[in-house]
Amino acid sequence: MKIQVLLFGIATDLLQTSSFEFEVSEGCTIEDFKKAVTAKYPQLKNINSYAVAVNETYASDEMILNQNDIVAIIPPVSGG
């Protein structure tokens, strides 16, 4: 099933895009998604940790994705 992935911060710079479609299997959890997206885009390993939101709500690793979900990868931010 297809989901839409949105990237923010350094993730946008690493992949040189702000969004892409990604194919996941039925019953895919956020934890499964993180492993799959890192396998396809190893540049994301350069981010020590990042939050994931699904349909504008922060998601735990156990959350199951559904067709057409919008998944955001949100790296830590700093400011001054």
N, C-alpha and C. Protein backbone atom coordinates (compact mmCIF):
# COMPACT_ATOMS: atom_id res chain seq x y z
N MET A 1 0.85 -1.18 0.00
CA MET A 1 0.00 0.00 0.00
C MET A 1 0.89 1.23 0.00
N LYS A 2 0.36 2.31 -0.53
CA LYS A 2 1.16 3.53 -0.67
C LYS A 2 0.84 4.52 0.44
N ILE A 3 1.91 5.16 0.93
CA ILE A 3 1.77 6.26 1.87
C ILE A 3 2.56 7.44 1.32
N GLN A 4 2.24 8.60 1.78
CA GLN A 4 2.96 9.82 1.41
C GLN A 4 3.91 10.15 2.56
N VAL A 5 5.16 10.43 2.25
CA VAL A 5 6.15 10.78 3.28
C VAL A 5 6.55 12.24 3.09
N LEU A 6 6.47 13.00 4.17
CA LEU A 6 6.91 14.39 4.18
C LEU A 6 8.19 14.48 5.00
N LEU A 7 9.14 15.27 4.53
CA LEU A 7 10.41 15.43 5.22
C LEU A 7 10.56 16.87 5.69
N PHE A 8 11.21 17.02 6.83
CA PHE A 8 11.45 18.34 7.39
C PHE A 8 12.90 18.46 7.83
N GLY A 9 13.36 19.71 7.96
CA GLY A 9 14.70 19.98 8.48
C GLY A 9 15.79 19.29 7.69
N ILE A 10 16.75 18.72 8.42
CA ILE A 10 17.92 18.09 7.81
C ILE A 10 17.53 16.91 6.92
N ALA A 11 16.40 16.26 7.19
CA ALA A 11 15.97 15.14 6.35
C ALA A 11 15.71 15.61 4.92
N THR A 12 15.16 16.80 4.76
CA THR A 12 14.95 17.38 3.43
C THR A 12 16.28 17.56 2.72
N ASP A 13 17.27 18.07 3.45
CA ASP A 13 18.59 18.29 2.86
C ASP A 13 19.26 16.98 2.48
N LEU A 14 19.15 15.98 3.34
CA LEU A 14 19.81 14.69 3.08
C LEU A 14 19.25 13.98 1.86
N LEU A 15 17.93 14.04 1.67
CA LEU A 15 17.31 13.34 0.55
C LEU A 15 17.03 14.26 -0.64
N GLN A 16 17.28 15.55 -0.47
CA GLN A 16 17.10 16.55 -1.51
C GLN A 16 15.69 16.55 -2.09
N THR A 17 14.72 16.35 -1.22
CA THR A 17 13.31 16.44 -1.57
C THR A 17 12.53 16.70 -0.30
N SER A 18 11.31 17.18 -0.43
CA SER A 18 10.49 17.42 0.75
C SER A 18 9.37 16.41 0.90
N SER A 19 9.19 15.54 -0.13
CA SER A 19 8.15 14.52 -0.03
C SER A 19 8.36 13.44 -1.09
N PHE A 20 7.82 12.27 -0.81
CA PHE A 20 7.85 11.18 -1.78
C PHE A 20 6.80 10.14 -1.39
N GLU A 21 6.41 9.32 -2.36
CA GLU A 21 5.52 8.19 -2.09
C GLU A 21 6.37 7.00 -1.69
N PHE A 22 5.85 6.16 -0.78
CA PHE A 22 6.60 5.01 -0.30
C PHE A 22 5.65 3.84 -0.18
N GLU A 23 6.09 2.68 -0.59
CA GLU A 23 5.28 1.46 -0.56
C GLU A 23 5.59 0.69 0.72
N VAL A 24 4.55 0.35 1.48
CA VAL A 24 4.70 -0.47 2.68
C VAL A 24 3.70 -1.62 2.61
N SER A 25 3.96 -2.65 3.39
CA SER A 25 3.06 -3.81 3.40
C SER A 25 1.90 -3.58 4.37
N GLU A 26 0.83 -4.35 4.18
CA GLU A 26 -0.30 -4.31 5.11
C GLU A 26 0.20 -4.64 6.51
N GLY A 27 -0.30 -3.95 7.50
CA GLY A 27 0.09 -4.21 8.88
C GLY A 27 1.42 -3.60 9.27
N CYS A 28 1.97 -2.77 8.42
CA CYS A 28 3.27 -2.13 8.68
C CYS A 28 3.15 -1.18 9.86
N THR A 29 4.06 -1.32 10.82
CA THR A 29 4.09 -0.41 11.97
C THR A 29 5.07 0.72 11.68
N ILE A 30 5.05 1.72 12.53
CA ILE A 30 6.03 2.81 12.41
C ILE A 30 7.45 2.27 12.53
N GLU A 31 7.66 1.33 13.43
CA GLU A 31 8.99 0.72 13.58
C GLU A 31 9.41 0.03 12.27
N ASP A 32 8.50 -0.71 11.64
CA ASP A 32 8.79 -1.35 10.35
C ASP A 32 9.09 -0.30 9.29
N PHE A 33 8.29 0.77 9.29
CA PHE A 33 8.50 1.86 8.32
C PHE A 33 9.89 2.47 8.47
N LYS A 34 10.30 2.74 9.72
CA LYS A 34 11.62 3.34 9.95
C LYS A 34 12.72 2.45 9.39
N LYS A 35 12.61 1.15 9.62
CA LYS A 35 13.63 0.22 9.10
C LYS A 35 13.63 0.22 7.58
N ALA A 36 12.45 0.18 6.97
CA ALA A 36 12.34 0.12 5.52
C ALA A 36 12.83 1.40 4.86
N VAL A 37 12.45 2.54 5.41
CA VAL A 37 12.84 3.80 4.79
C VAL A 37 14.34 4.04 4.96
N THR A 38 14.92 3.61 6.07
CA THR A 38 16.36 3.74 6.27
C THR A 38 17.12 2.79 5.35
N ALA A 39 16.56 1.61 5.09
CA ALA A 39 17.20 0.68 4.16
C ALA A 39 17.22 1.26 2.74
N LYS A 40 16.13 1.91 2.34
CA LYS A 40 16.06 2.48 1.00
C LYS A 40 16.83 3.79 0.89
N TYR A 41 16.83 4.56 1.98
CA TYR A 41 17.51 5.86 2.00
C TYR A 41 18.51 5.88 3.15
N PRO A 42 19.68 5.27 2.99
CA PRO A 42 20.65 5.17 4.09
C PRO A 42 21.15 6.52 4.60
N GLN A 43 20.92 7.58 3.83
CA GLN A 43 21.31 8.92 4.30
C GLN A 43 20.62 9.25 5.62
N LEU A 44 19.44 8.68 5.85
CA LEU A 44 18.70 8.97 7.08
C LEU A 44 19.41 8.44 8.32
N LYS A 45 20.38 7.54 8.14
CA LYS A 45 21.16 7.04 9.29
C LYS A 45 21.99 8.17 9.91
N ASN A 46 22.19 9.26 9.16
CA ASN A 46 22.95 10.40 9.67
C ASN A 46 22.16 11.20 10.71
N ILE A 47 20.88 10.92 10.84
CA ILE A 47 20.05 11.58 11.86
C ILE A 47 19.98 10.63 13.06
N ASN A 48 20.46 11.08 14.21
CA ASN A 48 20.50 10.21 15.39
C ASN A 48 19.12 9.75 15.82
N SER A 49 18.18 10.65 15.80
CA SER A 49 16.81 10.30 16.17
C SER A 49 15.87 11.27 15.48
N TYR A 50 14.65 10.83 15.28
CA TYR A 50 13.65 11.72 14.70
C TYR A 50 12.27 11.26 15.13
N ALA A 51 11.36 12.21 15.16
CA ALA A 51 9.97 11.91 15.50
C ALA A 51 9.24 11.57 14.21
N VAL A 52 8.17 10.81 14.36
CA VAL A 52 7.33 10.48 13.22
C VAL A 52 5.90 10.87 13.57
N ALA A 53 5.27 11.58 12.65
CA ALA A 53 3.86 11.93 12.81
C ALA A 53 3.08 11.29 11.68
N VAL A 54 1.88 10.83 11.98
CA VAL A 54 0.99 10.25 10.99
C VAL A 54 -0.29 11.07 10.97
N ASN A 55 -0.59 11.63 9.82
CA ASN A 55 -1.78 12.46 9.66
C ASN A 55 -1.83 13.57 10.73
N GLU A 56 -0.67 14.21 10.90
CA GLU A 56 -0.49 15.38 11.78
C GLU A 56 -0.57 15.07 13.27
N THR A 57 -0.39 13.80 13.66
CA THR A 57 -0.37 13.42 15.07
C THR A 57 0.88 12.57 15.31
N TYR A 58 1.66 12.91 16.36
CA TYR A 58 2.84 12.12 16.66
C TYR A 58 2.46 10.67 16.89
N ALA A 59 3.31 9.75 16.39
CA ALA A 59 2.99 8.33 16.40
C ALA A 59 4.04 7.53 17.17
N SER A 60 3.59 6.50 17.85
CA SER A 60 4.49 5.58 18.55
C SER A 60 4.95 4.51 17.56
N ASP A 61 6.01 3.79 17.91
CA ASP A 61 6.55 2.75 17.03
C ASP A 61 5.56 1.63 16.77
N GLU A 62 4.58 1.45 17.65
CA GLU A 62 3.62 0.36 17.51
C GLU A 62 2.44 0.69 16.59
N MET A 63 2.27 1.95 16.24
CA MET A 63 1.14 2.35 15.41
C MET A 63 1.20 1.67 14.05
N ILE A 64 0.05 1.21 13.57
CA ILE A 64 -0.05 0.55 12.27
C ILE A 64 -0.48 1.56 11.21
N LEU A 65 0.23 1.55 10.10
CA LEU A 65 -0.07 2.47 9.00
C LEU A 65 -1.21 1.95 8.13
N ASN A 66 -1.91 2.88 7.51
CA ASN A 66 -3.01 2.57 6.60
C ASN A 66 -2.75 3.19 5.24
N GLN A 67 -3.42 2.64 4.22
CA GLN A 67 -3.32 3.18 2.87
C GLN A 67 -3.57 4.69 2.89
N ASN A 68 -2.75 5.43 2.16
CA ASN A 68 -2.88 6.89 1.98
C ASN A 68 -2.57 7.72 3.22
N ASP A 69 -2.00 7.09 4.26
CA ASP A 69 -1.56 7.89 5.41
C ASP A 69 -0.48 8.87 4.96
N ILE A 70 -0.39 9.98 5.66
CA ILE A 70 0.67 10.95 5.43
C ILE A 70 1.61 10.88 6.63
N VAL A 71 2.84 10.47 6.37
CA VAL A 71 3.82 10.24 7.42
C VAL A 71 4.88 11.32 7.32
N ALA A 72 5.13 12.01 8.42
CA ALA A 72 6.14 13.07 8.46
C ALA A 72 7.34 12.60 9.27
N ILE A 73 8.52 12.81 8.72
CA ILE A 73 9.77 12.57 9.44
C ILE A 73 10.26 13.90 9.94
N ILE A 74 10.34 14.03 11.29
CA ILE A 74 10.65 15.31 11.90
C ILE A 74 11.91 15.17 12.75
N PRO A 75 13.05 15.62 12.22
CA PRO A 75 14.29 15.56 12.99
C PRO A 75 14.28 16.57 14.13
N PRO A 76 15.17 16.38 15.10
CA PRO A 76 15.27 17.38 16.17
C PRO A 76 15.67 18.74 15.57
N VAL A 77 15.21 19.79 16.18
CA VAL A 77 15.57 21.14 15.72
C VAL A 77 16.23 21.89 16.85
N SER A 78 17.07 22.83 16.48
CA SER A 78 17.67 23.71 17.49
C SER A 78 17.58 25.13 16.98
N GLY A 79 17.62 26.02 17.86
CA GLY A 79 17.52 27.42 17.47
C GLY A 79 18.21 28.29 18.47
N GLY A 80 18.20 29.54 18.19
CA GLY A 80 18.90 30.42 19.11
C GLY A 80 18.35 31.78 19.13
